[in-house]
Amino acid sequence: MSDLDKIEAAVFRRLLAHLDERKDVQNIELMNLAGFCRNCLSKWYVAAAEEAGVSVDYDAARERVYGMPYGEWKDSYQKEATAEQLAAFNKKG
């Protein structure tokens, strides 16, 4: 692994730690402000694994990104999107 690969891996781990510390930030807020969310990261994780010839299913990737099974995270931390959040999300689509 090159030094740049190590740096990128460390940055990814820090991003996941930051998102874990900010469970209050909802995915729809991330989508509206940044154009990606935890689920996007999970999909990118699966795609990168496939490119490397490694099989990682989506649920396993989500568990890596969320730090727990997705259903558990959703039950514990996901809130209902507000009308304003949904309107902003739909406006971009």
PDB file of N, CA and C in Angstrom:
ATOM      1  N   MET A   1       0.851  -1.177   0.000  1.00  0.00           N
ATOM      2  CA  MET A   1       0.000   0.000   0.000  1.00  0.00           C
ATOM      3  C   MET A   1       0.896   1.240   0.000  1.00  0.00           C
ATOM      4  N   SER A   2       0.595   2.161  -0.881  1.00  0.00           N
ATOM      5  CA  SER A   2       1.396   3.381  -0.976  1.00  0.00           C
ATOM      6  C   SER A   2       1.070   4.323   0.178  1.00  0.00           C
ATOM      7  N   ASP A   3       1.941   5.305   0.371  1.00  0.00           N
ATOM      8  CA  ASP A   3       1.691   6.304   1.413  1.00  0.00           C
ATOM      9  C   ASP A   3       0.386   7.043   1.154  1.00  0.00           C
ATOM     10  N   LEU A   4       0.102   7.355  -0.117  1.00  0.00           N
ATOM     11  CA  LEU A   4      -1.154   8.049  -0.430  1.00  0.00           C
ATOM     12  C   LEU A   4      -2.363   7.177  -0.116  1.00  0.00           C
ATOM     13  N   ASP A   5      -2.271   5.892  -0.401  1.00  0.00           N
ATOM     14  CA  ASP A   5      -3.361   4.974  -0.065  1.00  0.00           C
ATOM     15  C   ASP A   5      -3.583   4.942   1.443  1.00  0.00           C
ATOM     16  N   LYS A   6      -2.493   4.932   2.205  1.00  0.00           N
ATOM     17  CA  LYS A   6      -2.601   4.933   3.670  1.00  0.00           C
ATOM     18  C   LYS A   6      -3.256   6.213   4.166  1.00  0.00           C
ATOM     19  N   ILE A   7      -2.876   7.329   3.557  1.00  0.00           N
ATOM     20  CA  ILE A   7      -3.478   8.616   3.943  1.00  0.00           C
ATOM     21  C   ILE A   7      -4.960   8.622   3.615  1.00  0.00           C
ATOM     22  N   GLU A   8      -5.323   8.176   2.408  1.00  0.00           N
ATOM     23  CA  GLU A   8      -6.734   8.141   2.017  1.00  0.00           C
ATOM     24  C   GLU A   8      -7.536   7.219   2.937  1.00  0.00           C
ATOM     25  N   ALA A   9      -6.971   6.078   3.307  1.00  0.00           N
ATOM     26  CA  ALA A   9      -7.652   5.162   4.220  1.00  0.00           C
ATOM     27  C   ALA A   9      -7.845   5.816   5.584  1.00  0.00           C
ATOM     28  N   ALA A  10      -6.843   6.539   6.055  1.00  0.00           N
ATOM     29  CA  ALA A  10      -6.948   7.219   7.345  1.00  0.00           C
ATOM     30  C   ALA A  10      -8.014   8.313   7.293  1.00  0.00           C
ATOM     31  N   VAL A  11      -8.076   9.037   6.186  1.00  0.00           N
ATOM     32  CA  VAL A  11      -9.087  10.080   6.028  1.00  0.00           C
ATOM     33  C   VAL A  11     -10.485   9.460   6.023  1.00  0.00           C
ATOM     34  N   PHE A  12     -10.651   8.342   5.328  1.00  0.00           N
ATOM     35  CA  PHE A  12     -11.951   7.670   5.304  1.00  0.00           C
ATOM     36  C   PHE A  12     -12.354   7.232   6.713  1.00  0.00           C
ATOM     37  N   ARG A  13     -11.410   6.660   7.454  1.00  0.00           N
ATOM     38  CA  ARG A  13     -11.721   6.252   8.832  1.00  0.00           C
ATOM     39  C   ARG A  13     -12.099   7.460   9.681  1.00  0.00           C
ATOM     40  N   ARG A  14     -11.435   8.588   9.465  1.00  0.00           N
ATOM     41  CA  ARG A  14     -11.762   9.807  10.216  1.00  0.00           C
ATOM     42  C   ARG A  14     -13.142  10.319   9.828  1.00  0.00           C
ATOM     43  N   LEU A  15     -13.482  10.271   8.550  1.00  0.00           N
ATOM     44  CA  LEU A  15     -14.818  10.675   8.109  1.00  0.00           C
ATOM     45  C   LEU A  15     -15.878   9.814   8.780  1.00  0.00           C
ATOM     46  N   LEU A  16     -15.668   8.495   8.808  1.00  0.00           N
ATOM     47  CA  LEU A  16     -16.630   7.614   9.456  1.00  0.00           C
ATOM     48  C   LEU A  16     -16.742   7.923  10.946  1.00  0.00           C
ATOM     49  N   ALA A  17     -15.619   8.196  11.588  1.00  0.00           N
ATOM     50  CA  ALA A  17     -15.642   8.545  13.015  1.00  0.00           C
ATOM     51  C   ALA A  17     -16.401   9.854  13.231  1.00  0.00           C
ATOM     52  N   HIS A  18     -16.181  10.815  12.344  1.00  0.00           N
ATOM     53  CA  HIS A  18     -16.884  12.093  12.454  1.00  0.00           C
ATOM     54  C   HIS A  18     -18.397  11.904  12.299  1.00  0.00           C
ATOM     55  N   LEU A  19     -18.790  11.130  11.293  1.00  0.00           N
ATOM     56  CA  LEU A  19     -20.220  10.873  11.102  1.00  0.00           C
ATOM     57  C   LEU A  19     -20.798  10.122  12.294  1.00  0.00           C
ATOM     58  N   ASP A  20     -20.011   9.224  12.886  1.00  0.00           N
ATOM     59  CA  ASP A  20     -20.463   8.492  14.064  1.00  0.00           C
ATOM     60  C   ASP A  20     -20.666   9.442  15.240  1.00  0.00           C
ATOM     61  N   GLU A  21     -19.811  10.442  15.358  1.00  0.00           N
ATOM     62  CA  GLU A  21     -19.940  11.443  16.421  1.00  0.00           C
ATOM     63  C   GLU A  21     -21.120  12.372  16.179  1.00  0.00           C
ATOM     64  N   ARG A  22     -21.582  12.457  14.942  1.00  0.00           N
ATOM     65  CA  ARG A  22     -22.660  13.376  14.568  1.00  0.00           C
ATOM     66  C   ARG A  22     -23.895  12.610  14.099  1.00  0.00           C
ATOM     67  N   LYS A  23     -24.341  11.691  14.933  1.00  0.00           N
ATOM     68  CA  LYS A  23     -25.552  10.935  14.601  1.00  0.00           C
ATOM     69  C   LYS A  23     -26.769  11.836  14.489  1.00  0.00           C
ATOM     70  N   ASP A  24     -26.674  13.041  15.046  1.00  0.00           N
ATOM     71  CA  ASP A  24     -27.771  14.001  14.959  1.00  0.00           C
ATOM     72  C   ASP A  24     -27.960  14.529  13.545  1.00  0.00           C
ATOM     73  N   VAL A  25     -26.926  14.454  12.727  1.00  0.00           N
ATOM     74  CA  VAL A  25     -27.029  14.923  11.342  1.00  0.00           C
ATOM     75  C   VAL A  25     -27.702  13.836  10.517  1.00  0.00           C
ATOM     76  N   GLN A  26     -28.844  14.177   9.990  1.00  0.00           N
ATOM     77  CA  GLN A  26     -29.649  13.219   9.247  1.00  0.00           C
ATOM     78  C   GLN A  26     -29.140  13.087   7.810  1.00  0.00           C
ATOM     79  N   ASN A  27     -29.370  11.918   7.232  1.00  0.00           N
ATOM     80  CA  ASN A  27     -28.941  11.679   5.854  1.00  0.00           C
ATOM     81  C   ASN A  27     -29.534  12.684   4.880  1.00  0.00           C
ATOM     82  N   ILE A  28     -30.781  13.058   5.077  1.00  0.00           N
ATOM     83  CA  ILE A  28     -31.410  14.003   4.147  1.00  0.00           C
ATOM     84  C   ILE A  28     -30.721  15.360   4.226  1.00  0.00           C
ATOM     85  N   GLU A  29     -30.237  15.723   5.413  1.00  0.00           N
ATOM     86  CA  GLU A  29     -29.493  16.973   5.549  1.00  0.00           C
ATOM     87  C   GLU A  29     -28.170  16.893   4.782  1.00  0.00           C
ATOM     88  N   LEU A  30     -27.497  15.751   4.908  1.00  0.00           N
ATOM     89  CA  LEU A  30     -26.265  15.552   4.158  1.00  0.00           C
ATOM     90  C   LEU A  30     -26.534  15.631   2.656  1.00  0.00           C
ATOM     91  N   MET A  31     -27.583  14.970   2.203  1.00  0.00           N
ATOM     92  CA  MET A  31     -27.921  14.982   0.773  1.00  0.00           C
ATOM     93  C   MET A  31     -28.216  16.406   0.303  1.00  0.00           C
ATOM     94  N   ASN A  32     -29.000  17.136   1.080  1.00  0.00           N
ATOM     95  CA  ASN A  32     -29.382  18.485   0.677  1.00  0.00           C
ATOM     96  C   ASN A  32     -28.191  19.439   0.655  1.00  0.00           C
ATOM     97  N   LEU A  33     -27.269  19.280   1.581  1.00  0.00           N
ATOM     98  CA  LEU A  33     -26.139  20.203   1.673  1.00  0.00           C
ATOM     99  C   LEU A  33     -24.912  19.760   0.888  1.00  0.00           C
ATOM    100  N   ALA A  34     -24.655  18.445   0.874  1.00  0.00           N
ATOM    101  CA  ALA A  34     -23.397  17.968   0.299  1.00  0.00           C
ATOM    102  C   ALA A  34     -23.582  17.072  -0.921  1.00  0.00           C
ATOM    103  N   GLY A  35     -24.799  16.612  -1.158  1.00  0.00           N
ATOM    104  CA  GLY A  35     -25.044  15.763  -2.315  1.00  0.00           C
ATOM    105  C   GLY A  35     -24.677  14.309  -2.105  1.00  0.00           C
ATOM    106  N   PHE A  36     -24.394  13.910  -0.871  1.00  0.00           N
ATOM    107  CA  PHE A  36     -24.148  12.502  -0.551  1.00  0.00           C
ATOM    108  C   PHE A  36     -24.551  12.269   0.904  1.00  0.00           C
ATOM    109  N   CYS A  37     -24.723  10.997   1.240  1.00  0.00           N
ATOM    110  CA  CYS A  37     -25.098  10.645   2.611  1.00  0.00           C
ATOM    111  C   CYS A  37     -24.395   9.349   3.003  1.00  0.00           C
ATOM    112  N   ARG A  38     -24.728   8.843   4.154  1.00  0.00           N
ATOM    113  CA  ARG A  38     -24.122   7.599   4.630  1.00  0.00           C
ATOM    114  C   ARG A  38     -24.428   6.439   3.678  1.00  0.00           C
ATOM    115  N   ASN A  39     -25.631   6.415   3.127  1.00  0.00           N
ATOM    116  CA  ASN A  39     -25.975   5.346   2.188  1.00  0.00           C
ATOM    117  C   ASN A  39     -25.140   5.452   0.909  1.00  0.00           C
ATOM    118  N   CYS A  40     -24.869   6.672   0.454  1.00  0.00           N
ATOM    119  CA  CYS A  40     -24.000   6.859  -0.708  1.00  0.00           C
ATOM    120  C   CYS A  40     -22.616   6.307  -0.411  1.00  0.00           C
ATOM    121  N   LEU A  41     -22.076   6.618   0.761  1.00  0.00           N
ATOM    122  CA  LEU A  41     -20.766   6.089   1.146  1.00  0.00           C
ATOM    123  C   LEU A  41     -20.776   4.566   1.123  1.00  0.00           C
ATOM    124  N   SER A  42     -21.867   3.980   1.586  1.00  0.00           N
ATOM    125  CA  SER A  42     -21.983   2.522   1.587  1.00  0.00           C
ATOM    126  C   SER A  42     -21.949   1.978   0.162  1.00  0.00           C
ATOM    127  N   LYS A  43     -22.646   2.620  -0.742  1.00  0.00           N
ATOM    128  CA  LYS A  43     -22.647   2.192  -2.148  1.00  0.00           C
ATOM    129  C   LYS A  43     -21.274   2.364  -2.766  1.00  0.00           C
ATOM    130  N   TRP A  44     -20.590   3.451  -2.445  1.00  0.00           N
ATOM    131  CA  TRP A  44     -19.236   3.671  -2.956  1.00  0.00           C
ATOM    132  C   TRP A  44     -18.293   2.611  -2.405  1.00  0.00           C
ATOM    133  N   TYR A  45     -18.505   2.215  -1.164  1.00  0.00           N
ATOM    134  CA  TYR A  45     -17.683   1.174  -0.530  1.00  0.00           C
ATOM    135  C   TYR A  45     -17.829  -0.142  -1.290  1.00  0.00           C
ATOM    136  N   VAL A  46     -19.073  -0.511  -1.599  1.00  0.00           N
ATOM    137  CA  VAL A  46     -19.340  -1.735  -2.359  1.00  0.00           C
ATOM    138  C   VAL A  46     -18.686  -1.651  -3.737  1.00  0.00           C
ATOM    139  N   ALA A  47     -18.834  -0.508  -4.410  1.00  0.00           N
ATOM    140  CA  ALA A  47     -18.255  -0.335  -5.748  1.00  0.00           C
ATOM    141  C   ALA A  47     -16.727  -0.427  -5.711  1.00  0.00           C
ATOM    142  N   ALA A  48     -16.114   0.191  -4.715  1.00  0.00           N
ATOM    143  CA  ALA A  48     -14.651   0.134  -4.600  1.00  0.00           C
ATOM    144  C   ALA A  48     -14.183  -1.283  -4.311  1.00  0.00           C
ATOM    145  N   ALA A  49     -14.940  -1.997  -3.493  1.00  0.00           N
ATOM    146  CA  ALA A  49     -14.602  -3.393  -3.203  1.00  0.00           C
ATOM    147  C   ALA A  49     -14.664  -4.212  -4.493  1.00  0.00           C
ATOM    148  N   GLU A  50     -15.725  -4.020  -5.271  1.00  0.00           N
ATOM    149  CA  GLU A  50     -15.862  -4.748  -6.535  1.00  0.00           C
ATOM    150  C   GLU A  50     -14.703  -4.444  -7.476  1.00  0.00           C
ATOM    151  N   GLU A  51     -14.297  -3.180  -7.550  1.00  0.00           N
ATOM    152  CA  GLU A  51     -13.173  -2.799  -8.407  1.00  0.00           C
ATOM    153  C   GLU A  51     -11.882  -3.483  -7.963  1.00  0.00           C
ATOM    154  N   ALA A  52     -11.783  -3.758  -6.655  1.00  0.00           N
ATOM    155  CA  ALA A  52     -10.596  -4.423  -6.112  1.00  0.00           C
ATOM    156  C   ALA A  52     -10.727  -5.942  -6.157  1.00  0.00           C
ATOM    157  N   GLY A  53     -11.852  -6.437  -6.690  1.00  0.00           N
ATOM    158  CA  GLY A  53     -12.070  -7.875  -6.778  1.00  0.00           C
ATOM    159  C   GLY A  53     -12.494  -8.510  -5.468  1.00  0.00           C
ATOM    160  N   VAL A  54     -13.059  -7.687  -4.571  1.00  0.00           N
ATOM    161  CA  VAL A  54     -13.507  -8.169  -3.269  1.00  0.00           C
ATOM    162  C   VAL A  54     -15.025  -8.074  -3.226  1.00  0.00           C
ATOM    163  N   SER A  55     -15.659  -9.108  -2.706  1.00  0.00           N
ATOM    164  CA  SER A  55     -17.117  -9.117  -2.598  1.00  0.00           C
ATOM    165  C   SER A  55     -17.535  -8.584  -1.224  1.00  0.00           C
ATOM    166  N   VAL A  56     -18.242  -7.469  -1.236  1.00  0.00           N
ATOM    167  CA  VAL A  56     -18.809  -6.889  -0.013  1.00  0.00           C
ATOM    168  C   VAL A  56     -20.263  -6.576  -0.319  1.00  0.00           C
ATOM    169  N   ASP A  57     -21.187  -7.136   0.458  1.00  0.00           N
ATOM    170  CA  ASP A  57     -22.583  -6.830   0.179  1.00  0.00           C
ATOM    171  C   ASP A  57     -22.969  -5.492   0.810  1.00  0.00           C
ATOM    172  N   TYR A  58     -24.065  -4.951   0.331  1.00  0.00           N
ATOM    173  CA  TYR A  58     -24.509  -3.616   0.728  1.00  0.00           C
ATOM    174  C   TYR A  58     -24.769  -3.531   2.228  1.00  0.00           C
ATOM    175  N   ASP A  59     -25.383  -4.562   2.821  1.00  0.00           N
ATOM    176  CA  ASP A  59     -25.655  -4.532   4.259  1.00  0.00           C
ATOM    177  C   ASP A  59     -24.362  -4.486   5.062  1.00  0.00           C
ATOM    178  N   ALA A  60     -23.352  -5.222   4.639  1.00  0.00           N
ATOM    179  CA  ALA A  60     -22.056  -5.203   5.327  1.00  0.00           C
ATOM    180  C   ALA A  60     -21.398  -3.835   5.183  1.00  0.00           C
ATOM    181  N   ALA A  61     -21.526  -3.242   4.013  1.00  0.00           N
ATOM    182  CA  ALA A  61     -20.964  -1.912   3.792  1.00  0.00           C
ATOM    183  C   ALA A  61     -21.681  -0.884   4.656  1.00  0.00           C
ATOM    184  N   ARG A  62     -22.990  -0.983   4.732  1.00  0.00           N
ATOM    185  CA  ARG A  62     -23.734  -0.044   5.585  1.00  0.00           C
ATOM    186  C   ARG A  62     -23.355  -0.209   7.045  1.00  0.00           C
ATOM    187  N   GLU A  63     -23.151  -1.446   7.479  1.00  0.00           N
ATOM    188  CA  GLU A  63     -22.736  -1.655   8.871  1.00  0.00           C
ATOM    189  C   GLU A  63     -21.371  -1.012   9.120  1.00  0.00           C
ATOM    190  N   ARG A  64     -20.477  -1.077   8.139  1.00  0.00           N
ATOM    191  CA  ARG A  64     -19.163  -0.436   8.274  1.00  0.00           C
ATOM    192  C   ARG A  64     -19.317   1.074   8.365  1.00  0.00           C
ATOM    193  N   VAL A  65     -20.153   1.653   7.527  1.00  0.00           N
ATOM    194  CA  VAL A  65     -20.328   3.103   7.495  1.00  0.00           C
ATOM    195  C   VAL A  65     -21.104   3.593   8.713  1.00  0.00           C
ATOM    196  N   TYR A  66     -22.165   2.902   9.081  1.00  0.00           N
ATOM    197  CA  TYR A  66     -23.003   3.335  10.204  1.00  0.00           C
ATOM    198  C   TYR A  66     -22.436   2.921  11.561  1.00  0.00           C
ATOM    199  N   GLY A  67     -21.517   1.961  11.576  1.00  0.00           N
ATOM    200  CA  GLY A  67     -20.945   1.493  12.829  1.00  0.00           C
ATOM    201  C   GLY A  67     -21.835   0.532  13.578  1.00  0.00           C
ATOM    202  N   MET A  68     -22.897   0.100  12.938  1.00  0.00           N
ATOM    203  CA  MET A  68     -23.871  -0.838  13.513  1.00  0.00           C
ATOM    204  C   MET A  68     -24.803  -1.257  12.384  1.00  0.00           C
ATOM    205  N   PRO A  69     -25.590  -2.300  12.588  1.00  0.00           N
ATOM    206  CA  PRO A  69     -26.564  -2.654  11.545  1.00  0.00           C
ATOM    207  C   PRO A  69     -27.466  -1.454  11.226  1.00  0.00           C
ATOM    208  N   TYR A  70     -27.766  -1.290   9.952  1.00  0.00           N
ATOM    209  CA  TYR A  70     -28.546  -0.132   9.504  1.00  0.00           C
ATOM    210  C   TYR A  70     -29.881  -0.024  10.225  1.00  0.00           C
ATOM    211  N   GLY A  71     -30.573  -1.136  10.382  1.00  0.00           N
ATOM    212  CA  GLY A  71     -31.877  -1.097  11.055  1.00  0.00           C
ATOM    213  C   GLY A  71     -31.775  -0.571  12.473  1.00  0.00           C
ATOM    214  N   GLU A  72     -30.709  -0.943  13.161  1.00  0.00           N
ATOM    215  CA  GLU A  72     -30.485  -0.461  14.530  1.00  0.00           C
ATOM    216  C   GLU A  72     -30.229   1.046  14.532  1.00  0.00           C
ATOM    217  N   TRP A  73     -29.401   1.505  13.588  1.00  0.00           N
ATOM    218  CA  TRP A  73     -29.115   2.938  13.497  1.00  0.00           C
ATOM    219  C   TRP A  73     -30.398   3.705  13.180  1.00  0.00           C
ATOM    220  N   LYS A  74     -31.146   3.196  12.227  1.00  0.00           N
ATOM    221  CA  LYS A  74     -32.388   3.854  11.802  1.00  0.00           C
ATOM    222  C   LYS A  74     -33.369   3.965  12.968  1.00  0.00           C
ATOM    223  N   ASP A  75     -33.535   2.868  13.702  1.00  0.00           N
ATOM    224  CA  ASP A  75     -34.459   2.876  14.842  1.00  0.00           C
ATOM    225  C   ASP A  75     -34.003   3.827  15.944  1.00  0.00           C
ATOM    226  N   SER A  76     -32.700   3.944  16.129  1.00  0.00           N
ATOM    227  CA  SER A  76     -32.168   4.749  17.226  1.00  0.00           C
ATOM    228  C   SER A  76     -31.962   6.221  16.884  1.00  0.00           C
ATOM    229  N   TYR A  77     -31.633   6.527  15.624  1.00  0.00           N
ATOM    230  CA  TYR A  77     -31.177   7.882  15.308  1.00  0.00           C
ATOM    231  C   TYR A  77     -31.907   8.587  14.175  1.00  0.00           C
ATOM    232  N   GLN A  78     -32.546   7.845  13.282  1.00  0.00           N
ATOM    233  CA  GLN A  78     -33.180   8.503  12.145  1.00  0.00           C
ATOM    234  C   GLN A  78     -34.485   9.139  12.564  1.00  0.00           C
ATOM    235  N   LYS A  79     -34.644  10.385  12.148  1.00  0.00           N
ATOM    236  CA  LYS A  79     -35.875  11.126  12.420  1.00  0.00           C
ATOM    237  C   LYS A  79     -36.659  11.271  11.131  1.00  0.00           C
ATOM    238  N   GLU A  80     -37.924  11.533  11.273  1.00  0.00           N
ATOM    239  CA  GLU A  80     -38.778  11.787  10.109  1.00  0.00           C
ATOM    240  C   GLU A  80     -38.321  13.078   9.440  1.00  0.00           C
ATOM    241  N   ALA A  81     -38.188  13.051   8.134  1.00  0.00           N
ATOM    242  CA  ALA A  81     -37.786  14.251   7.404  1.00  0.00           C
ATOM    243  C   ALA A  81     -38.888  15.304   7.495  1.00  0.00           C
ATOM    244  N   THR A  82     -38.473  16.546   7.626  1.00  0.00           N
ATOM    245  CA  THR A  82     -39.444  17.635   7.663  1.00  0.00           C
ATOM    246  C   THR A  82     -39.927  17.937   6.252  1.00  0.00           C
ATOM    247  N   ALA A  83     -41.029  18.657   6.168  1.00  0.00           N
ATOM    248  CA  ALA A  83     -41.557  19.065   4.862  1.00  0.00           C
ATOM    249  C   ALA A  83     -40.521  19.910   4.118  1.00  0.00           C
ATOM    250  N   GLU A  84     -39.809  20.770   4.839  1.00  0.00           N
ATOM    251  CA  GLU A  84     -38.792  21.623   4.225  1.00  0.00           C
ATOM    252  C   GLU A  84     -37.629  20.791   3.674  1.00  0.00           C
ATOM    253  N   GLN A  85     -37.194  19.780   4.438  1.00  0.00           N
ATOM    254  CA  GLN A  85     -36.113  18.925   3.984  1.00  0.00           C
ATOM    255  C   GLN A  85     -36.511  18.167   2.733  1.00  0.00           C
ATOM    256  N   LEU A  86     -37.728  17.621   2.747  1.00  0.00           N
ATOM    257  CA  LEU A  86     -38.214  16.875   1.582  1.00  0.00           C
ATOM    258  C   LEU A  86     -38.348  17.777   0.361  1.00  0.00           C
ATOM    259  N   ALA A  87     -38.840  18.995   0.562  1.00  0.00           N
ATOM    260  CA  ALA A  87     -38.990  19.926  -0.557  1.00  0.00           C
ATOM    261  C   ALA A  87     -37.625  20.253  -1.158  1.00  0.00           C
ATOM    262  N   ALA A  88     -36.633  20.493  -0.312  1.00  0.00           N
ATOM    263  CA  ALA A  88     -35.288  20.805  -0.795  1.00  0.00           C
ATOM    264  C   ALA A  88     -34.702  19.595  -1.528  1.00  0.00           C
ATOM    265  N   PHE A  89     -34.930  18.401  -1.008  1.00  0.00           N
ATOM    266  CA  PHE A  89     -34.427  17.180  -1.650  1.00  0.00           C
ATOM    267  C   PHE A  89     -35.084  16.980  -3.010  1.00  0.00           C
ATOM    268  N   ASN A  90     -36.389  17.127  -3.065  1.00  0.00           N
ATOM    269  CA  ASN A  90     -37.129  16.924  -4.318  1.00  0.00           C
ATOM    270  C   ASN A  90     -36.816  17.988  -5.353  1.00  0.00           C
ATOM    271  N   LYS A  91     -36.483  19.183  -4.904  1.00  0.00           N
ATOM    272  CA  LYS A  91     -36.133  20.264  -5.819  1.00  0.00           C
ATOM    273  C   LYS A  91     -34.863  19.955  -6.588  1.00  0.00           C
ATOM    274  N   LYS A  92     -33.924  19.240  -5.952  1.00  0.00           N
ATOM    275  CA  LYS A  92     -32.654  18.919  -6.587  1.00  0.00           C
ATOM    276  C   LYS A  92     -32.811  17.771  -7.579  1.00  0.00           C
ATOM    277  N   GLY A  93     -33.809  16.914  -7.344  1.00  0.00           N
ATOM    278  CA  GLY A  93     -33.982  15.728  -8.171  1.00  0.00           C
ATOM    279  C   GLY A  93     -34.569  16.040  -9.474  1.00  0.00           C
TER     280      GLY A  93
END
